[in-house]
Amino acid sequence: MSMIGNCEGFQPVSLKQEGDDQPSETDQLSMEGDPGKHPVPRQISRQPSVTESALYPNPYHQPYMSRKYFVTRPGAIETAMEDLKGHIVKTSGETIQGFWLLTEIDHWNNEKERILLVTDQTLLICKYDFIMLSCVQLQRIPLSAVYRICLGKFAFPRMSLDKRQGEGLRIYWGSPEQQSLLSRWNPWSTEMPYATFTEHPMKYTSENFLKICKLCGFTSKLVPAIQNAHKNSTGSGRGKGLTVLTEPILIETYTGLMSFIGNRNKLGYSLARGSIGF
């Protein structure tokens, strides 16, 4: 490997045309000084260059992008939390251990904005309308029925045309082998024995959203809650406890035209679509 030697012997050379007695801009800067004294060369200090990517975009300051999502509007997420807390107190009286905002990925690779709550006995998956500020759908999953959690990167069949990058979390409360062929190939089926989640795209909007949109925070609360639910379960159950695996999460989509259109246009989120008119 070649090494760069000492550069002390090199002197700056001014490129001038023959007969050109006017000093160059560099000479004028280097020979500045008092007119009564001999000109003394002066070194010009320059600030180190800073790339634009280091300054923008700031991950915690994207006002235009964040305003498009209704969940980031002032008071929206707080209203959703209070609504769901009040509903749980009235219906079950369980103690809420945590509240998260994540993105669910269904078996057809469609993204859906979801609120997740973990109580002492139940995992609740809520479809919340942040435009009308109302709960549209609420799915209850007993923690004692959850027997496996998988953490890992998303994987697709080799011939799939719509693949996604990143990592996710899949929660199993039933056997995928026992589901019917109709429910597996039905994009609107709600009978899947598992649910897949990834982080919400607005996780870097603020410190508060960073806390409730991170998968690691959700997992750290979910796993102990499931283990405690298995210990306190009095039913027949599975008797196998909870297994946490690190492996690729397979999403069996091939053409992916439906998810391609939906995910590119963020149809699964409460999003400002702009005005339509003439």
C-alpha atoms as a PDB file:
ATOM      1  CA  MET A   1       0.000   0.000   0.000  1.00  0.00           C
ATOM      2  CA  SER A   2       1.406   3.377  -0.952  1.00  0.00           C
ATOM      3  CA  MET A   3       1.990   5.868   1.854  1.00  0.00           C
ATOM      4  CA  ILE A   4       1.698   9.627   1.657  1.00  0.00           C
ATOM      5  CA  GLY A   5       5.020  11.208   2.600  1.00  0.00           C
ATOM      6  CA  ASN A   6       5.898  14.472   4.267  1.00  0.00           C
ATOM      7  CA  CYS A   7       4.520  17.497   2.414  1.00  0.00           C
ATOM      8  CA  GLU A   8       6.787  20.171   3.984  1.00  0.00           C
ATOM      9  CA  GLY A   9       8.850  20.559   0.798  1.00  0.00           C
ATOM     10  CA  PHE A  10       5.886  21.591  -1.302  1.00  0.00           C
ATOM     11  CA  GLN A  11       5.342  25.338  -1.924  1.00  0.00           C
ATOM     12  CA  PRO A  12       2.208  26.975  -3.341  1.00  0.00           C
ATOM     13  CA  VAL A  13       2.571  28.087  -6.954  1.00  0.00           C
ATOM     14  CA  SER A  14       0.568  30.946  -8.441  1.00  0.00           C
ATOM     15  CA  LEU A  15      -0.583  30.363 -11.987  1.00  0.00           C
ATOM     16  CA  LYS A  16      -0.219  33.642 -13.936  1.00  0.00           C
ATOM     17  CA  GLN A  17      -0.092  34.605 -17.530  1.00  0.00           C
ATOM     18  CA  GLU A  18       3.115  36.130 -18.809  1.00  0.00           C
ATOM     19  CA  GLY A  19       3.021  39.923 -18.384  1.00  0.00           C
ATOM     20  CA  ASP A  20       0.240  39.741 -15.814  1.00  0.00           C
ATOM     21  CA  ASP A  21       1.413  41.898 -12.910  1.00  0.00           C
ATOM     22  CA  GLN A  22      -1.892  41.932 -11.076  1.00  0.00           C
ATOM     23  CA  PRO A  23      -1.836  39.773  -7.970  1.00  0.00           C
ATOM     24  CA  SER A  24      -4.338  36.976  -7.808  1.00  0.00           C
ATOM     25  CA  GLU A  25      -7.099  36.792  -5.243  1.00  0.00           C
ATOM     26  CA  THR A  26      -5.081  34.245  -3.286  1.00  0.00           C
ATOM     27  CA  ASP A  27      -2.034  36.544  -3.261  1.00  0.00           C
ATOM     28  CA  GLN A  28      -4.085  39.456  -2.015  1.00  0.00           C
ATOM     29  CA  LEU A  29      -5.448  37.392   0.878  1.00  0.00           C
ATOM     30  CA  SER A  30      -2.036  36.009   1.787  1.00  0.00           C
ATOM     31  CA  MET A  31      -0.196  39.369   1.651  1.00  0.00           C
ATOM     32  CA  GLU A  32      -2.619  41.439   3.715  1.00  0.00           C
ATOM     33  CA  GLY A  33      -1.101  43.544   6.488  1.00  0.00           C
ATOM     34  CA  ASP A  34      -0.065  47.031   7.420  1.00  0.00           C
ATOM     35  CA  PRO A  35       1.169  49.096   4.426  1.00  0.00           C
ATOM     36  CA  GLY A  36       4.332  50.178   6.284  1.00  0.00           C
ATOM     37  CA  LYS A  37       5.480  46.703   7.081  1.00  0.00           C
ATOM     38  CA  HIS A  38       6.740  43.839   5.032  1.00  0.00           C
ATOM     39  CA  PRO A  39       3.872  41.703   3.959  1.00  0.00           C
ATOM     40  CA  VAL A  40       3.612  38.576   6.047  1.00  0.00           C
ATOM     41  CA  PRO A  41       1.892  35.523   4.684  1.00  0.00           C
ATOM     42  CA  ARG A  42      -1.225  34.687   6.651  1.00  0.00           C
ATOM     43  CA  GLN A  43      -2.954  31.318   6.939  1.00  0.00           C
ATOM     44  CA  ILE A  44      -6.632  31.293   6.108  1.00  0.00           C
ATOM     45  CA  SER A  45      -8.687  29.188   8.520  1.00  0.00           C
ATOM     46  CA  ARG A  46     -11.751  27.512   7.090  1.00  0.00           C
ATOM     47  CA  GLN A  47     -14.639  25.931   8.868  1.00  0.00           C
ATOM     48  CA  PRO A  48     -15.051  22.220   8.291  1.00  0.00           C
ATOM     49  CA  SER A  49     -17.782  21.450   5.808  1.00  0.00           C
ATOM     50  CA  VAL A  50     -20.944  19.882   7.161  1.00  0.00           C
ATOM     51  CA  THR A  51     -22.999  17.708   4.866  1.00  0.00           C
ATOM     52  CA  GLU A  52     -26.630  18.621   4.454  1.00  0.00           C
ATOM     53  CA  SER A  53     -27.779  15.127   5.363  1.00  0.00           C
ATOM     54  CA  ALA A  54     -26.438  15.603   8.904  1.00  0.00           C
ATOM     55  CA  LEU A  55     -28.657  18.624   9.446  1.00  0.00           C
ATOM     56  CA  TYR A  56     -31.789  17.763   7.461  1.00  0.00           C
ATOM     57  CA  PRO A  57     -34.129  16.074   7.732  1.00  0.00           C
ATOM     58  CA  ASN A  58     -34.194  16.186  11.508  1.00  0.00           C
ATOM     59  CA  PRO A  59     -35.935  12.960  12.595  1.00  0.00           C
ATOM     60  CA  TYR A  60     -37.756  14.787  15.390  1.00  0.00           C
ATOM     61  CA  HIS A  61     -38.892  17.719  13.260  1.00  0.00           C
ATOM     62  CA  GLN A  62     -40.916  16.893  10.168  1.00  0.00           C
ATOM     63  CA  PRO A  63     -43.972  19.121  10.574  1.00  0.00           C
ATOM     64  CA  TYR A  64     -45.352  18.600   7.082  1.00  0.00           C
ATOM     65  CA  MET A  65     -45.204  14.796   7.208  1.00  0.00           C
ATOM     66  CA  SER A  66     -46.467  14.600  10.777  1.00  0.00           C
ATOM     67  CA  ARG A  67     -49.460  16.872  10.108  1.00  0.00           C
ATOM     68  CA  LYS A  68     -50.669  14.486   7.378  1.00  0.00           C
ATOM     69  CA  TYR A  69     -51.270  11.773   9.991  1.00  0.00           C
ATOM     70  CA  PHE A  70     -54.273  12.563  12.166  1.00  0.00           C
ATOM     71  CA  VAL A  71     -52.773  10.602  15.039  1.00  0.00           C
ATOM     72  CA  THR A  72     -50.147  13.336  15.450  1.00  0.00           C
ATOM     73  CA  ARG A  73     -52.716  16.135  15.706  1.00  0.00           C
ATOM     74  CA  PRO A  74     -52.801  17.758  19.178  1.00  0.00           C
ATOM     75  CA  GLY A  75     -54.913  15.713  21.575  1.00  0.00           C
ATOM     76  CA  ALA A  76     -55.689  12.848  19.170  1.00  0.00           C
ATOM     77  CA  ILE A  77     -53.614  10.126  20.812  1.00  0.00           C
ATOM     78  CA  GLU A  78     -54.601  11.322  24.305  1.00  0.00           C
ATOM     79  CA  THR A  79     -58.290  11.141  23.395  1.00  0.00           C
ATOM     80  CA  ALA A  80     -57.861   7.605  22.084  1.00  0.00           C
ATOM     81  CA  MET A  81     -56.138   6.529  25.283  1.00  0.00           C
ATOM     82  CA  GLU A  82     -58.877   7.959  27.478  1.00  0.00           C
ATOM     83  CA  ASP A  83     -61.626   6.376  25.357  1.00  0.00           C
ATOM     84  CA  LEU A  84     -60.066   2.925  25.531  1.00  0.00           C
ATOM     85  CA  LYS A  85     -59.263   3.209  29.228  1.00  0.00           C
ATOM     86  CA  GLY A  86     -62.865   4.117  29.963  1.00  0.00           C
ATOM     87  CA  HIS A  87     -64.144   1.218  27.861  1.00  0.00           C
ATOM     88  CA  ILE A  88     -61.920  -1.305  29.638  1.00  0.00           C
ATOM     89  CA  VAL A  89     -62.921  -0.045  33.072  1.00  0.00           C
ATOM     90  CA  LYS A  90     -66.612  -0.378  32.206  1.00  0.00           C
ATOM     91  CA  THR A  91     -66.422  -3.796  30.523  1.00  0.00           C
ATOM     92  CA  SER A  92     -63.750  -5.796  32.357  1.00  0.00           C
ATOM     93  CA  GLY A  93     -62.146  -3.675  35.050  1.00  0.00           C
ATOM     94  CA  GLU A  94     -58.689  -4.990  34.165  1.00  0.00           C
ATOM     95  CA  THR A  95     -55.502  -3.079  34.904  1.00  0.00           C
ATOM     96  CA  ILE A  96     -53.810  -1.596  31.849  1.00  0.00           C
ATOM     97  CA  GLN A  97     -50.068  -2.221  31.738  1.00  0.00           C
ATOM     98  CA  GLY A  98     -49.209  -0.379  28.556  1.00  0.00           C
ATOM     99  CA  PHE A  99     -50.444   1.446  25.503  1.00  0.00           C
ATOM    100  CA  TRP A 100     -48.756   1.372  22.059  1.00  0.00           C
ATOM    101  CA  LEU A 101     -49.276   2.667  18.544  1.00  0.00           C
ATOM    102  CA  LEU A 102     -48.052   0.159  15.949  1.00  0.00           C
ATOM    103  CA  THR A 103     -48.658  -0.930  12.382  1.00  0.00           C
ATOM    104  CA  GLU A 104     -50.314  -4.284  11.789  1.00  0.00           C
ATOM    105  CA  ILE A 105     -49.348  -6.208   8.654  1.00  0.00           C
ATOM    106  CA  ASP A 106     -51.999  -8.664   7.580  1.00  0.00           C
ATOM    107  CA  HIS A 107     -51.516 -11.926   5.706  1.00  0.00           C
ATOM    108  CA  TRP A 108     -51.730 -10.029   2.396  1.00  0.00           C
ATOM    109  CA  ASN A 109     -48.989  -7.567   3.382  1.00  0.00           C
ATOM    110  CA  ASN A 110     -51.416  -4.674   3.920  1.00  0.00           C
ATOM    111  CA  GLU A 111     -50.459  -2.064   6.532  1.00  0.00           C
ATOM    112  CA  LYS A 112     -53.055  -1.050   9.122  1.00  0.00           C
ATOM    113  CA  GLU A 113     -52.754   1.522  11.885  1.00  0.00           C
ATOM    114  CA  ARG A 114     -53.518  -0.070  15.250  1.00  0.00           C
ATOM    115  CA  ILE A 115     -53.573   0.733  18.959  1.00  0.00           C
ATOM    116  CA  LEU A 116     -52.490  -2.085  21.258  1.00  0.00           C
ATOM    117  CA  LEU A 117     -53.184  -2.396  24.958  1.00  0.00           C
ATOM    118  CA  VAL A 118     -51.849  -5.005  27.351  1.00  0.00           C
ATOM    119  CA  THR A 119     -53.786  -5.760  30.533  1.00  0.00           C
ATOM    120  CA  ASP A 120     -53.299  -8.427  33.176  1.00  0.00           C
ATOM    121  CA  GLN A 121     -55.265 -10.961  31.154  1.00  0.00           C
ATOM    122  CA  THR A 122     -55.851  -9.648  27.648  1.00  0.00           C
ATOM    123  CA  LEU A 123     -54.152  -8.235  24.582  1.00  0.00           C
ATOM    124  CA  LEU A 124     -56.426  -5.744  22.869  1.00  0.00           C
ATOM    125  CA  ILE A 125     -55.948  -4.741  19.214  1.00  0.00           C
ATOM    126  CA  CYS A 126     -57.956  -1.648  18.357  1.00  0.00           C
ATOM    127  CA  LYS A 127     -58.766  -0.096  15.011  1.00  0.00           C
ATOM    128  CA  TYR A 128     -59.226   3.549  15.918  1.00  0.00           C
ATOM    129  CA  ASP A 129     -60.546   6.280  13.649  1.00  0.00           C
ATOM    130  CA  PHE A 130     -58.375   9.302  14.448  1.00  0.00           C
ATOM    131  CA  ILE A 131     -60.501  11.484  12.176  1.00  0.00           C
ATOM    132  CA  MET A 132     -63.788  10.910  14.015  1.00  0.00           C
ATOM    133  CA  LEU A 133     -61.987  10.001  17.276  1.00  0.00           C
ATOM    134  CA  SER A 134     -63.878   6.749  17.777  1.00  0.00           C
ATOM    135  CA  CYS A 135     -63.088   3.059  18.169  1.00  0.00           C
ATOM    136  CA  VAL A 136     -64.160   1.151  15.061  1.00  0.00           C
ATOM    137  CA  GLN A 137     -63.113  -2.398  15.956  1.00  0.00           C
ATOM    138  CA  LEU A 138     -61.701  -4.044  19.075  1.00  0.00           C
ATOM    139  CA  GLN A 139     -60.189  -7.537  19.104  1.00  0.00           C
ATOM    140  CA  ARG A 140     -59.588  -9.293  22.429  1.00  0.00           C
ATOM    141  CA  ILE A 141     -56.963 -12.029  22.705  1.00  0.00           C
ATOM    142  CA  PRO A 142     -56.532 -13.860  26.036  1.00  0.00           C
ATOM    143  CA  LEU A 143     -52.882 -13.790  27.052  1.00  0.00           C
ATOM    144  CA  SER A 144     -53.144 -17.352  28.299  1.00  0.00           C
ATOM    145  CA  ALA A 145     -53.900 -18.457  24.709  1.00  0.00           C
ATOM    146  CA  VAL A 146     -50.693 -16.959  23.283  1.00  0.00           C
ATOM    147  CA  TYR A 147     -48.082 -19.691  23.007  1.00  0.00           C
ATOM    148  CA  ARG A 148     -45.468 -18.331  20.585  1.00  0.00           C
ATOM    149  CA  ILE A 149     -43.857 -14.996  19.671  1.00  0.00           C
ATOM    150  CA  CYS A 150     -41.513 -14.589  16.717  1.00  0.00           C
ATOM    151  CA  LEU A 151     -39.103 -11.695  16.257  1.00  0.00           C
ATOM    152  CA  GLY A 152     -37.169 -11.180  13.054  1.00  0.00           C
ATOM    153  CA  LYS A 153     -36.929  -9.752   9.576  1.00  0.00           C
ATOM    154  CA  PHE A 154     -39.722 -10.092   7.069  1.00  0.00           C
ATOM    155  CA  ALA A 155     -39.403 -12.868   4.503  1.00  0.00           C
ATOM    156  CA  PHE A 156     -41.323 -13.512   1.288  1.00  0.00           C
ATOM    157  CA  PRO A 157     -41.538 -16.272  -1.305  1.00  0.00           C
ATOM    158  CA  ARG A 158     -38.787 -16.082  -3.896  1.00  0.00           C
ATOM    159  CA  MET A 159     -41.226 -15.142  -6.696  1.00  0.00           C
ATOM    160  CA  SER A 160     -43.023 -12.446  -4.678  1.00  0.00           C
ATOM    161  CA  LEU A 161     -43.330  -9.085  -6.467  1.00  0.00           C
ATOM    162  CA  ASP A 162     -44.086  -6.878  -3.432  1.00  0.00           C
ATOM    163  CA  LYS A 163     -41.535  -7.333  -0.666  1.00  0.00           C
ATOM    164  CA  ARG A 164     -40.897  -5.175   2.354  1.00  0.00           C
ATOM    165  CA  GLN A 165     -37.776  -4.494   4.362  1.00  0.00           C
ATOM    166  CA  GLY A 166     -37.421  -4.232   8.114  1.00  0.00           C
ATOM    167  CA  GLU A 167     -38.249  -6.280  11.170  1.00  0.00           C
ATOM    168  CA  GLY A 168     -41.436  -7.205  12.921  1.00  0.00           C
ATOM    169  CA  LEU A 169     -43.174  -9.198  15.626  1.00  0.00           C
ATOM    170  CA  ARG A 170     -45.683 -12.015  15.176  1.00  0.00           C
ATOM    171  CA  ILE A 171     -47.957 -13.259  17.969  1.00  0.00           C
ATOM    172  CA  TYR A 172     -49.531 -16.723  17.706  1.00  0.00           C
ATOM    173  CA  TRP A 173     -52.617 -17.805  19.652  1.00  0.00           C
ATOM    174  CA  GLY A 174     -53.632 -20.574  17.252  1.00  0.00           C
ATOM    175  CA  SER A 175     -52.057 -22.977  14.806  1.00  0.00           C
ATOM    176  CA  PRO A 176     -51.657 -21.637  11.234  1.00  0.00           C
ATOM    177  CA  GLU A 177     -51.967 -25.182   9.905  1.00  0.00           C
ATOM    178  CA  GLN A 178     -55.533 -25.426  11.193  1.00  0.00           C
ATOM    179  CA  GLN A 179     -56.873 -22.374   9.369  1.00  0.00           C
ATOM    180  CA  SER A 180     -59.016 -22.933   6.323  1.00  0.00           C
ATOM    181  CA  LEU A 181     -57.834 -22.345   2.783  1.00  0.00           C
ATOM    182  CA  LEU A 182     -60.608 -19.793   2.305  1.00  0.00           C
ATOM    183  CA  SER A 183     -59.469 -17.634   5.206  1.00  0.00           C
ATOM    184  CA  ARG A 184     -55.844 -17.854   4.108  1.00  0.00           C
ATOM    185  CA  TRP A 185     -56.565 -16.515   0.610  1.00  0.00           C
ATOM    186  CA  ASN A 186     -59.262 -14.069   1.654  1.00  0.00           C
ATOM    187  CA  PRO A 187     -57.679 -10.598   2.008  1.00  0.00           C
ATOM    188  CA  TRP A 188     -60.499  -9.432   4.325  1.00  0.00           C
ATOM    189  CA  SER A 189     -60.441 -12.476   6.603  1.00  0.00           C
ATOM    190  CA  THR A 190     -60.384 -11.787  10.355  1.00  0.00           C
ATOM    191  CA  GLU A 191     -59.978 -15.425  11.353  1.00  0.00           C
ATOM    192  CA  MET A 192     -56.199 -15.525  11.260  1.00  0.00           C
ATOM    193  CA  PRO A 193     -54.709 -17.236  14.356  1.00  0.00           C
ATOM    194  CA  TYR A 194     -51.860 -14.746  14.564  1.00  0.00           C
ATOM    195  CA  ALA A 195     -51.102 -11.047  14.212  1.00  0.00           C
ATOM    196  CA  THR A 196     -47.999  -9.348  12.794  1.00  0.00           C
ATOM    197  CA  PHE A 197     -46.784  -5.899  13.802  1.00  0.00           C
ATOM    198  CA  THR A 198     -44.044  -3.447  12.956  1.00  0.00           C
ATOM    199  CA  GLU A 199     -43.188   0.069  14.103  1.00  0.00           C
ATOM    200  CA  HIS A 200     -45.424   3.002  13.196  1.00  0.00           C
ATOM    201  CA  PRO A 201     -43.978   5.392  10.554  1.00  0.00           C
ATOM    202  CA  MET A 202     -44.478   8.380  12.892  1.00  0.00           C
ATOM    203  CA  LYS A 203     -42.273   6.992  15.659  1.00  0.00           C
ATOM    204  CA  TYR A 204     -39.717   9.794  15.245  1.00  0.00           C
ATOM    205  CA  THR A 205     -42.248  12.618  15.398  1.00  0.00           C
ATOM    206  CA  SER A 206     -41.583  13.295  19.090  1.00  0.00           C
ATOM    207  CA  GLU A 207     -40.205  11.695  22.224  1.00  0.00           C
ATOM    208  CA  ASN A 208     -43.688  10.622  23.247  1.00  0.00           C
ATOM    209  CA  PHE A 209     -44.336   8.837  19.955  1.00  0.00           C
ATOM    210  CA  LEU A 210     -40.913   7.216  20.107  1.00  0.00           C
ATOM    211  CA  LYS A 211     -41.895   5.544  23.376  1.00  0.00           C
ATOM    212  CA  ILE A 212     -45.245   4.187  22.220  1.00  0.00           C
ATOM    213  CA  CYS A 213     -44.190   3.189  18.685  1.00  0.00           C
ATOM    214  CA  LYS A 214     -41.120   1.070  19.462  1.00  0.00           C
ATOM    215  CA  LEU A 215     -41.443  -2.710  19.181  1.00  0.00           C
ATOM    216  CA  CYS A 216     -38.849  -3.336  21.881  1.00  0.00           C
ATOM    217  CA  GLY A 217     -40.936  -1.484  24.464  1.00  0.00           C
ATOM    218  CA  PHE A 218     -44.048  -3.418  23.484  1.00  0.00           C
ATOM    219  CA  THR A 219     -42.238  -6.763  23.628  1.00  0.00           C
ATOM    220  CA  SER A 220     -40.689  -6.040  27.023  1.00  0.00           C
ATOM    221  CA  LYS A 221     -44.186  -5.602  28.489  1.00  0.00           C
ATOM    222  CA  LEU A 222     -45.989  -8.282  26.502  1.00  0.00           C
ATOM    223  CA  VAL A 223     -43.722 -11.244  27.290  1.00  0.00           C
ATOM    224  CA  PRO A 224     -43.880 -10.963  31.125  1.00  0.00           C
ATOM    225  CA  ALA A 225     -47.639 -10.376  30.957  1.00  0.00           C
ATOM    226  CA  ILE A 226     -48.129 -13.575  28.934  1.00  0.00           C
ATOM    227  CA  GLN A 227     -45.906 -15.559  31.283  1.00  0.00           C
ATOM    228  CA  ASN A 228     -47.854 -14.358  34.306  1.00  0.00           C
ATOM    229  CA  ALA A 229     -51.135 -15.161  32.569  1.00  0.00           C
ATOM    230  CA  HIS A 230     -49.949 -18.726  31.922  1.00  0.00           C
ATOM    231  CA  LYS A 231     -49.010 -19.134  35.582  1.00  0.00           C
ATOM    232  CA  ASN A 232     -52.360 -17.849  36.815  1.00  0.00           C
ATOM    233  CA  SER A 233     -54.427 -19.683  34.207  1.00  0.00           C
ATOM    234  CA  THR A 234     -56.876 -22.180  35.700  1.00  0.00           C
ATOM    235  CA  GLY A 235     -58.242 -23.511  32.403  1.00  0.00           C
ATOM    236  CA  SER A 236     -57.019 -26.470  30.428  1.00  0.00           C
ATOM    237  CA  GLY A 237     -54.840 -24.280  28.130  1.00  0.00           C
ATOM    238  CA  ARG A 238     -51.977 -25.654  26.152  1.00  0.00           C
ATOM    239  CA  GLY A 239     -49.690 -26.466  29.032  1.00  0.00           C
ATOM    240  CA  LYS A 240     -46.681 -25.525  26.919  1.00  0.00           C
ATOM    241  CA  GLY A 241     -45.992 -22.046  28.214  1.00  0.00           C
ATOM    242  CA  LEU A 242     -44.607 -19.309  25.984  1.00  0.00           C
ATOM    243  CA  THR A 243     -41.903 -19.738  23.355  1.00  0.00           C
ATOM    244  CA  VAL A 244     -40.039 -16.682  22.075  1.00  0.00           C
ATOM    245  CA  LEU A 245     -38.136 -17.263  18.829  1.00  0.00           C
ATOM    246  CA  THR A 246     -35.867 -15.173  16.637  1.00  0.00           C
ATOM    247  CA  GLU A 247     -36.577 -16.198  13.071  1.00  0.00           C
ATOM    248  CA  PRO A 248     -37.742 -14.699   9.742  1.00  0.00           C
ATOM    249  CA  ILE A 249     -41.411 -13.752   9.593  1.00  0.00           C
ATOM    250  CA  LEU A 250     -42.926 -15.221   6.422  1.00  0.00           C
ATOM    251  CA  ILE A 251     -45.609 -13.279   4.556  1.00  0.00           C
ATOM    252  CA  GLU A 252     -47.012 -15.433   1.747  1.00  0.00           C
ATOM    253  CA  THR A 253     -47.873 -12.924  -0.954  1.00  0.00           C
ATOM    254  CA  TYR A 254     -46.948 -13.336  -4.599  1.00  0.00           C
ATOM    255  CA  THR A 255     -48.490 -10.741  -6.902  1.00  0.00           C
ATOM    256  CA  GLY A 256     -49.056  -8.169  -4.172  1.00  0.00           C
ATOM    257  CA  LEU A 257     -50.932  -5.683  -6.363  1.00  0.00           C
ATOM    258  CA  MET A 258     -53.466  -4.891  -3.660  1.00  0.00           C
ATOM    259  CA  SER A 259     -50.846  -4.247  -0.987  1.00  0.00           C
ATOM    260  CA  PHE A 260     -48.678  -2.299  -3.425  1.00  0.00           C
ATOM    261  CA  ILE A 261     -51.464   0.213  -4.101  1.00  0.00           C
ATOM    262  CA  GLY A 262     -52.668   0.358  -0.515  1.00  0.00           C
ATOM    263  CA  ASN A 263     -49.291   0.718   1.179  1.00  0.00           C
ATOM    264  CA  ARG A 264     -47.940   3.297  -1.267  1.00  0.00           C
ATOM    265  CA  ASN A 265     -50.999   5.473  -0.654  1.00  0.00           C
ATOM    266  CA  LYS A 266     -51.123   4.747   3.112  1.00  0.00           C
ATOM    267  CA  LEU A 267     -54.735   3.586   2.897  1.00  0.00           C
ATOM    268  CA  GLY A 268     -54.447   1.797   6.234  1.00  0.00           C
ATOM    269  CA  TYR A 269     -53.816   5.049   8.153  1.00  0.00           C
ATOM    270  CA  SER A 270     -55.999   7.968   9.180  1.00  0.00           C
ATOM    271  CA  LEU A 271     -54.345  10.336   6.748  1.00  0.00           C
ATOM    272  CA  ALA A 272     -55.167  13.739   5.269  1.00  0.00           C
ATOM    273  CA  ARG A 273     -55.799  13.028   1.579  1.00  0.00           C
ATOM    274  CA  GLY A 274     -56.057  16.624   0.416  1.00  0.00           C
ATOM    275  CA  SER A 275     -58.956  18.365  -1.278  1.00  0.00           C
ATOM    276  CA  ILE A 276     -60.618  17.052  -4.416  1.00  0.00           C
ATOM    277  CA  GLY A 277     -62.389  19.506  -6.674  1.00  0.00           C
ATOM    278  CA  PHE A 278     -62.053  21.959  -9.509  1.00  0.00           C
END
